[in-house]
Amino acid sequence: MDMNIVDNVWLKTAYTLICSYLLEGFSGTYEYSDNKRAPYVPVHSVDAALEYRGDKTMGGLSFEYVDKTYKDDENKIQIDGHFVLNAQVRHRLNEYLILQAGVDNLLNSTYEVIDDYVAPPISFWLGADLTF
């Protein structure tokens, strides 16, 4: 959903529901009633952004929530869900050049997406888009 809240301010949201039942795995075969989830697939995820969209300058905050997942097909080893907040700004200098900057993982959250891979801490970036 993309909704204009007030002049030049937009709210974007998305929700995903994934029902991924595992029927066969390394540990054997399962029935739907066993409620075994596919490893690394969250049931719920939510994305949202609050954006300012001006003529030359755009920017905003975005967040992502990802529900818990499991590392194994028996669903005994769980990876906790996580929440990540990011910020970005873009400015068009002219018809050829856009400068951008951002901060990812603004709250410096510690989380992992896959087994034993801890996502990067807070990070800052700069960029430019040059069009010929």
N, C-alpha and C. Protein backbone atom coordinates (compact mmCIF):
# COMPACT_ATOMS: atom_id res chain seq x y z
N MET A 1 0.85 -1.16 0.00
CA MET A 1 0.00 0.00 0.00
C MET A 1 0.90 1.24 0.00
N ASP A 2 0.52 2.21 -0.76
CA ASP A 2 1.26 3.47 -0.88
C ASP A 2 0.24 4.59 -0.68
N MET A 3 0.32 5.30 0.46
CA MET A 3 -0.71 6.28 0.79
C MET A 3 -0.10 7.64 1.09
N ASN A 4 -0.66 8.67 0.45
CA ASN A 4 -0.24 10.05 0.69
C ASN A 4 -0.90 10.54 1.98
N ILE A 5 -0.08 10.85 3.01
CA ILE A 5 -0.62 11.28 4.30
C ILE A 5 -0.91 12.78 4.29
N VAL A 6 0.11 13.56 4.00
CA VAL A 6 -0.02 15.02 3.83
C VAL A 6 0.87 15.39 2.66
N ASP A 7 0.89 16.66 2.30
CA ASP A 7 1.71 17.10 1.16
C ASP A 7 3.11 16.51 1.21
N ASN A 8 3.47 15.78 0.18
CA ASN A 8 4.80 15.22 -0.01
C ASN A 8 5.23 14.17 1.02
N VAL A 9 4.33 13.72 1.89
CA VAL A 9 4.67 12.69 2.86
C VAL A 9 3.82 11.46 2.57
N TRP A 10 4.51 10.34 2.42
CA TRP A 10 3.87 9.08 2.02
C TRP A 10 4.14 7.99 3.03
N LEU A 11 3.18 7.09 3.18
CA LEU A 11 3.34 5.91 4.00
C LEU A 11 3.21 4.70 3.09
N LYS A 12 4.23 3.84 3.12
CA LYS A 12 4.22 2.60 2.34
C LYS A 12 4.23 1.44 3.32
N THR A 13 3.37 0.45 3.08
CA THR A 13 3.34 -0.72 3.95
C THR A 13 3.18 -1.99 3.13
N ALA A 14 3.67 -3.08 3.69
CA ALA A 14 3.51 -4.39 3.06
C ALA A 14 3.53 -5.45 4.16
N TYR A 15 2.70 -6.45 3.99
CA TYR A 15 2.65 -7.58 4.92
C TYR A 15 2.71 -8.86 4.10
N THR A 16 3.50 -9.81 4.57
CA THR A 16 3.61 -11.10 3.89
C THR A 16 3.34 -12.23 4.88
N LEU A 17 2.48 -13.14 4.48
CA LEU A 17 2.19 -14.34 5.25
C LEU A 17 2.61 -15.53 4.41
N ILE A 18 3.52 -16.34 4.95
CA ILE A 18 3.99 -17.53 4.22
C ILE A 18 3.70 -18.76 5.07
N CYS A 19 2.85 -19.62 4.56
CA CYS A 19 2.54 -20.88 5.23
C CYS A 19 3.35 -21.98 4.56
N SER A 20 4.50 -22.26 5.09
CA SER A 20 5.43 -23.21 4.47
C SER A 20 5.57 -24.44 5.34
N TYR A 21 4.71 -25.39 5.13
CA TYR A 21 4.76 -26.62 5.91
C TYR A 21 5.73 -27.60 5.27
N LEU A 22 6.51 -28.24 6.11
CA LEU A 22 7.49 -29.21 5.66
C LEU A 22 6.85 -30.60 5.73
N LEU A 23 6.83 -31.30 4.60
CA LEU A 23 6.23 -32.64 4.57
C LEU A 23 7.27 -33.74 4.52
N GLU A 24 8.50 -33.37 4.12
CA GLU A 24 9.58 -34.35 4.12
C GLU A 24 10.88 -33.63 4.40
N GLY A 25 11.69 -34.21 5.27
CA GLY A 25 12.96 -33.59 5.62
C GLY A 25 13.99 -34.63 5.97
N PHE A 26 15.14 -34.17 6.47
CA PHE A 26 16.21 -35.09 6.85
C PHE A 26 15.78 -36.02 7.97
N SER A 27 14.83 -35.55 8.79
CA SER A 27 14.41 -36.33 9.94
C SER A 27 13.23 -37.25 9.66
N GLY A 28 12.71 -37.26 8.44
CA GLY A 28 11.60 -38.15 8.11
C GLY A 28 10.49 -37.43 7.39
N THR A 29 9.32 -38.08 7.36
CA THR A 29 8.15 -37.48 6.72
C THR A 29 7.20 -36.96 7.79
N TYR A 30 6.44 -35.91 7.41
CA TYR A 30 5.53 -35.26 8.33
C TYR A 30 4.15 -35.13 7.70
N GLU A 31 3.19 -34.85 8.54
CA GLU A 31 1.83 -34.54 8.11
C GLU A 31 1.61 -33.04 8.36
N TYR A 32 0.59 -32.46 7.73
CA TYR A 32 0.28 -31.05 8.00
C TYR A 32 0.01 -30.83 9.49
N SER A 33 -0.59 -31.81 10.13
CA SER A 33 -0.92 -31.67 11.55
C SER A 33 0.32 -31.60 12.44
N ASP A 34 1.49 -32.00 11.92
CA ASP A 34 2.74 -31.89 12.69
C ASP A 34 3.20 -30.44 12.82
N ASN A 35 2.68 -29.57 11.95
CA ASN A 35 2.98 -28.13 11.97
C ASN A 35 4.49 -27.85 11.90
N LYS A 36 5.21 -28.57 11.07
CA LYS A 36 6.65 -28.34 10.89
C LYS A 36 6.85 -27.31 9.78
N ARG A 37 7.58 -26.26 10.09
CA ARG A 37 7.82 -25.17 9.14
C ARG A 37 9.13 -25.39 8.40
N ALA A 38 9.17 -24.95 7.16
CA ALA A 38 10.40 -25.03 6.38
C ALA A 38 11.48 -24.18 7.06
N PRO A 39 12.70 -24.68 7.15
CA PRO A 39 13.78 -23.91 7.78
C PRO A 39 14.00 -22.56 7.08
N TYR A 40 14.26 -21.55 7.90
CA TYR A 40 14.62 -20.20 7.46
C TYR A 40 13.50 -19.46 6.73
N VAL A 41 12.26 -19.90 6.84
CA VAL A 41 11.14 -19.21 6.20
C VAL A 41 10.24 -18.65 7.30
N PRO A 42 10.18 -17.32 7.45
CA PRO A 42 9.32 -16.74 8.49
C PRO A 42 7.85 -16.83 8.08
N VAL A 43 6.98 -16.95 9.07
CA VAL A 43 5.55 -16.96 8.78
C VAL A 43 5.08 -15.54 8.46
N HIS A 44 5.53 -14.56 9.24
CA HIS A 44 5.10 -13.18 9.07
C HIS A 44 6.28 -12.27 8.77
N SER A 45 6.06 -11.31 7.90
CA SER A 45 7.03 -10.22 7.73
C SER A 45 6.25 -8.94 7.38
N VAL A 46 6.77 -7.83 7.89
CA VAL A 46 6.13 -6.53 7.69
C VAL A 46 7.20 -5.53 7.26
N ASP A 47 6.89 -4.77 6.23
CA ASP A 47 7.75 -3.68 5.80
C ASP A 47 6.93 -2.40 5.81
N ALA A 48 7.54 -1.30 6.24
CA ALA A 48 6.85 -0.02 6.22
C ALA A 48 7.88 1.08 6.02
N ALA A 49 7.43 2.17 5.43
CA ALA A 49 8.31 3.32 5.23
C ALA A 49 7.50 4.60 5.32
N LEU A 50 8.09 5.59 5.92
CA LEU A 50 7.54 6.94 5.95
C LEU A 50 8.50 7.78 5.14
N GLU A 51 8.00 8.34 4.02
CA GLU A 51 8.88 9.02 3.07
C GLU A 51 8.43 10.45 2.80
N TYR A 52 9.41 11.32 2.65
CA TYR A 52 9.18 12.67 2.13
C TYR A 52 9.59 12.64 0.66
N ARG A 53 8.73 13.11 -0.23
CA ARG A 53 9.02 13.12 -1.66
C ARG A 53 8.87 14.54 -2.20
N GLY A 54 9.98 15.27 -2.21
CA GLY A 54 9.97 16.62 -2.76
C GLY A 54 10.38 16.62 -4.21
N ASP A 55 10.46 17.80 -4.80
CA ASP A 55 10.85 17.91 -6.21
C ASP A 55 12.28 17.44 -6.43
N LYS A 56 13.19 17.84 -5.54
CA LYS A 56 14.60 17.47 -5.71
C LYS A 56 15.11 16.58 -4.58
N THR A 57 14.45 16.62 -3.44
CA THR A 57 14.93 15.86 -2.28
C THR A 57 13.88 14.85 -1.84
N MET A 58 14.36 13.64 -1.56
CA MET A 58 13.50 12.58 -1.04
C MET A 58 14.24 11.93 0.12
N GLY A 59 13.49 11.44 1.07
CA GLY A 59 14.13 10.75 2.18
C GLY A 59 13.10 10.17 3.11
N GLY A 60 13.59 9.37 4.05
CA GLY A 60 12.65 8.82 5.00
C GLY A 60 13.24 7.72 5.84
N LEU A 61 12.34 7.12 6.60
CA LEU A 61 12.67 6.00 7.48
C LEU A 61 11.93 4.78 6.98
N SER A 62 12.59 3.64 7.06
CA SER A 62 11.92 2.39 6.71
C SER A 62 12.22 1.36 7.79
N PHE A 63 11.27 0.48 8.00
CA PHE A 63 11.53 -0.59 8.95
C PHE A 63 11.06 -1.92 8.39
N GLU A 64 11.68 -2.96 8.93
CA GLU A 64 11.35 -4.32 8.53
C GLU A 64 11.24 -5.16 9.79
N TYR A 65 10.15 -5.92 9.89
CA TYR A 65 10.02 -6.91 10.95
C TYR A 65 9.94 -8.28 10.28
N VAL A 66 10.75 -9.22 10.75
CA VAL A 66 10.73 -10.59 10.25
C VAL A 66 10.50 -11.50 11.44
N ASP A 67 9.49 -12.35 11.33
CA ASP A 67 9.10 -13.28 12.39
C ASP A 67 10.19 -14.33 12.62
N LYS A 68 10.07 -15.06 13.71
CA LYS A 68 11.02 -16.14 14.02
C LYS A 68 11.06 -17.16 12.89
N THR A 69 12.18 -17.84 12.77
CA THR A 69 12.33 -18.94 11.82
C THR A 69 12.99 -20.10 12.57
N TYR A 70 13.14 -21.21 11.89
CA TYR A 70 13.79 -22.37 12.50
C TYR A 70 15.02 -22.76 11.68
N LYS A 71 16.03 -23.26 12.38
CA LYS A 71 17.27 -23.68 11.72
C LYS A 71 17.19 -25.11 11.21
N ASP A 72 16.28 -25.89 11.75
CA ASP A 72 16.24 -27.32 11.43
C ASP A 72 14.84 -27.74 11.00
N ASP A 73 14.75 -28.90 10.35
CA ASP A 73 13.45 -29.35 9.86
C ASP A 73 12.54 -29.89 10.97
N GLU A 74 13.09 -30.15 12.15
CA GLU A 74 12.27 -30.59 13.27
C GLU A 74 11.71 -29.40 14.06
N ASN A 75 12.13 -28.19 13.71
CA ASN A 75 11.69 -26.95 14.36
C ASN A 75 12.04 -26.92 15.84
N LYS A 76 13.21 -27.44 16.18
CA LYS A 76 13.67 -27.44 17.57
C LYS A 76 14.63 -26.28 17.84
N ILE A 77 15.34 -25.79 16.82
CA ILE A 77 16.31 -24.71 16.99
C ILE A 77 15.75 -23.47 16.30
N GLN A 78 15.46 -22.47 17.11
CA GLN A 78 14.77 -21.28 16.63
C GLN A 78 15.72 -20.09 16.45
N ILE A 79 15.49 -19.30 15.40
CA ILE A 79 16.14 -18.00 15.22
C ILE A 79 15.08 -16.96 15.57
N ASP A 80 15.39 -16.08 16.51
CA ASP A 80 14.43 -15.07 16.93
C ASP A 80 14.09 -14.11 15.78
N GLY A 81 12.89 -13.58 15.84
CA GLY A 81 12.49 -12.56 14.89
C GLY A 81 13.30 -11.29 15.13
N HIS A 82 13.26 -10.38 14.16
CA HIS A 82 14.04 -9.16 14.33
C HIS A 82 13.33 -7.96 13.70
N PHE A 83 13.72 -6.80 14.15
CA PHE A 83 13.21 -5.51 13.71
C PHE A 83 14.41 -4.66 13.30
N VAL A 84 14.36 -4.08 12.11
CA VAL A 84 15.47 -3.26 11.62
C VAL A 84 14.92 -1.92 11.14
N LEU A 85 15.59 -0.84 11.52
CA LEU A 85 15.21 0.51 11.12
C LEU A 85 16.33 1.10 10.26
N ASN A 86 15.96 1.70 9.11
CA ASN A 86 16.93 2.30 8.20
C ASN A 86 16.50 3.73 7.86
N ALA A 87 17.45 4.55 7.44
CA ALA A 87 17.15 5.92 7.00
C ALA A 87 17.91 6.20 5.71
N GLN A 88 17.29 6.99 4.84
CA GLN A 88 17.92 7.31 3.56
C GLN A 88 17.48 8.69 3.11
N VAL A 89 18.38 9.39 2.42
CA VAL A 89 18.04 10.67 1.79
C VAL A 89 18.68 10.70 0.40
N ARG A 90 17.94 11.27 -0.56
CA ARG A 90 18.42 11.42 -1.95
C ARG A 90 18.17 12.85 -2.38
N HIS A 91 19.13 13.43 -3.09
CA HIS A 91 18.95 14.80 -3.60
C HIS A 91 19.42 14.87 -5.05
N ARG A 92 18.55 15.37 -5.91
CA ARG A 92 18.88 15.55 -7.33
C ARG A 92 19.56 16.91 -7.50
N LEU A 93 20.84 16.87 -7.87
CA LEU A 93 21.58 18.11 -8.08
C LEU A 93 21.23 18.74 -9.42
N ASN A 94 21.09 17.88 -10.44
CA ASN A 94 20.72 18.34 -11.77
C ASN A 94 20.12 17.15 -12.52
N GLU A 95 19.89 17.31 -13.82
CA GLU A 95 19.26 16.22 -14.56
C GLU A 95 20.16 15.00 -14.70
N TYR A 96 21.43 15.12 -14.38
CA TYR A 96 22.38 14.02 -14.55
C TYR A 96 22.83 13.35 -13.24
N LEU A 97 22.74 14.08 -12.12
CA LEU A 97 23.38 13.59 -10.89
C LEU A 97 22.44 13.61 -9.69
N ILE A 98 22.36 12.45 -9.02
CA ILE A 98 21.62 12.31 -7.76
C ILE A 98 22.61 11.82 -6.71
N LEU A 99 22.67 12.52 -5.58
CA LEU A 99 23.50 12.11 -4.46
C LEU A 99 22.60 11.46 -3.41
N GLN A 100 23.13 10.45 -2.73
CA GLN A 100 22.33 9.77 -1.72
C GLN A 100 23.19 9.34 -0.54
N ALA A 101 22.54 9.23 0.60
CA ALA A 101 23.23 8.79 1.82
C ALA A 101 22.22 8.04 2.67
N GLY A 102 22.74 7.15 3.50
CA GLY A 102 21.84 6.39 4.34
C GLY A 102 22.52 5.77 5.54
N VAL A 103 21.68 5.32 6.43
CA VAL A 103 22.13 4.59 7.61
C VAL A 103 21.28 3.33 7.67
N ASP A 104 21.93 2.18 7.64
CA ASP A 104 21.24 0.90 7.76
C ASP A 104 21.42 0.38 9.19
N ASN A 105 20.38 -0.27 9.70
CA ASN A 105 20.37 -0.79 11.06
C ASN A 105 20.61 0.34 12.06
N LEU A 106 19.79 1.35 11.95
CA LEU A 106 19.92 2.58 12.73
C LEU A 106 19.95 2.33 14.24
N LEU A 107 19.26 1.31 14.71
CA LEU A 107 19.23 1.01 16.15
C LEU A 107 20.34 0.05 16.58
N ASN A 108 21.21 -0.30 15.63
CA ASN A 108 22.34 -1.19 15.89
C ASN A 108 21.88 -2.53 16.50
N SER A 109 20.81 -3.08 15.94
CA SER A 109 20.25 -4.35 16.41
C SER A 109 21.18 -5.51 16.07
N THR A 110 21.23 -6.49 16.95
CA THR A 110 21.98 -7.71 16.69
C THR A 110 20.97 -8.80 16.35
N TYR A 111 21.10 -9.37 15.17
CA TYR A 111 20.18 -10.42 14.75
C TYR A 111 20.86 -11.29 13.70
N GLU A 112 20.29 -12.47 13.49
CA GLU A 112 20.81 -13.32 12.43
C GLU A 112 19.65 -13.75 11.54
N VAL A 113 19.95 -13.89 10.26
CA VAL A 113 18.96 -14.28 9.27
C VAL A 113 19.10 -15.77 8.96
N ILE A 114 20.33 -16.24 8.91
CA ILE A 114 20.61 -17.66 8.72
C ILE A 114 21.55 -18.11 9.83
N ASP A 115 21.70 -19.40 9.96
CA ASP A 115 22.46 -20.01 11.04
C ASP A 115 23.85 -19.41 11.21
N ASP A 116 24.11 -18.85 12.40
CA ASP A 116 25.42 -18.34 12.80
C ASP A 116 25.96 -17.22 11.92
N TYR A 117 25.10 -16.53 11.16
CA TYR A 117 25.53 -15.36 10.41
C TYR A 117 24.85 -14.15 11.04
N VAL A 118 25.62 -13.40 11.82
CA VAL A 118 25.07 -12.22 12.47
C VAL A 118 25.09 -11.08 11.46
N ALA A 119 23.94 -10.44 11.30
CA ALA A 119 23.81 -9.33 10.34
C ALA A 119 24.73 -8.17 10.76
N PRO A 120 25.14 -7.35 9.80
CA PRO A 120 26.05 -6.24 10.11
C PRO A 120 25.46 -5.25 11.11
N PRO A 121 26.30 -4.63 11.91
CA PRO A 121 25.82 -3.60 12.84
C PRO A 121 25.45 -2.34 12.06
N ILE A 122 25.21 -1.27 12.76
CA ILE A 122 24.89 0.00 12.11
C ILE A 122 25.92 0.31 11.03
N SER A 123 25.46 0.75 9.88
CA SER A 123 26.39 1.07 8.80
C SER A 123 25.91 2.30 8.05
N PHE A 124 26.87 3.08 7.59
CA PHE A 124 26.61 4.32 6.89
C PHE A 124 27.08 4.16 5.45
N TRP A 125 26.36 4.76 4.52
CA TRP A 125 26.77 4.65 3.12
C TRP A 125 26.46 5.94 2.37
N LEU A 126 27.22 6.16 1.33
CA LEU A 126 27.04 7.28 0.40
C LEU A 126 27.00 6.73 -1.01
N GLY A 127 26.29 7.42 -1.89
CA GLY A 127 26.22 6.95 -3.26
C GLY A 127 25.89 8.09 -4.21
N ALA A 128 26.03 7.80 -5.46
CA ALA A 128 25.69 8.77 -6.51
C ALA A 128 25.14 8.01 -7.71
N ASP A 129 24.14 8.57 -8.33
CA ASP A 129 23.61 8.05 -9.60
C ASP A 129 23.92 9.07 -10.67
N LEU A 130 24.68 8.64 -11.65
CA LEU A 130 25.06 9.50 -12.76
C LEU A 130 24.41 8.97 -14.03
N THR A 131 23.63 9.82 -14.68
CA THR A 131 22.93 9.43 -15.90
C THR A 131 23.51 10.17 -17.09
N PHE A 132 23.81 9.43 -18.15
CA PHE A 132 24.36 10.05 -19.37
C PHE A 132 23.27 10.22 -20.39
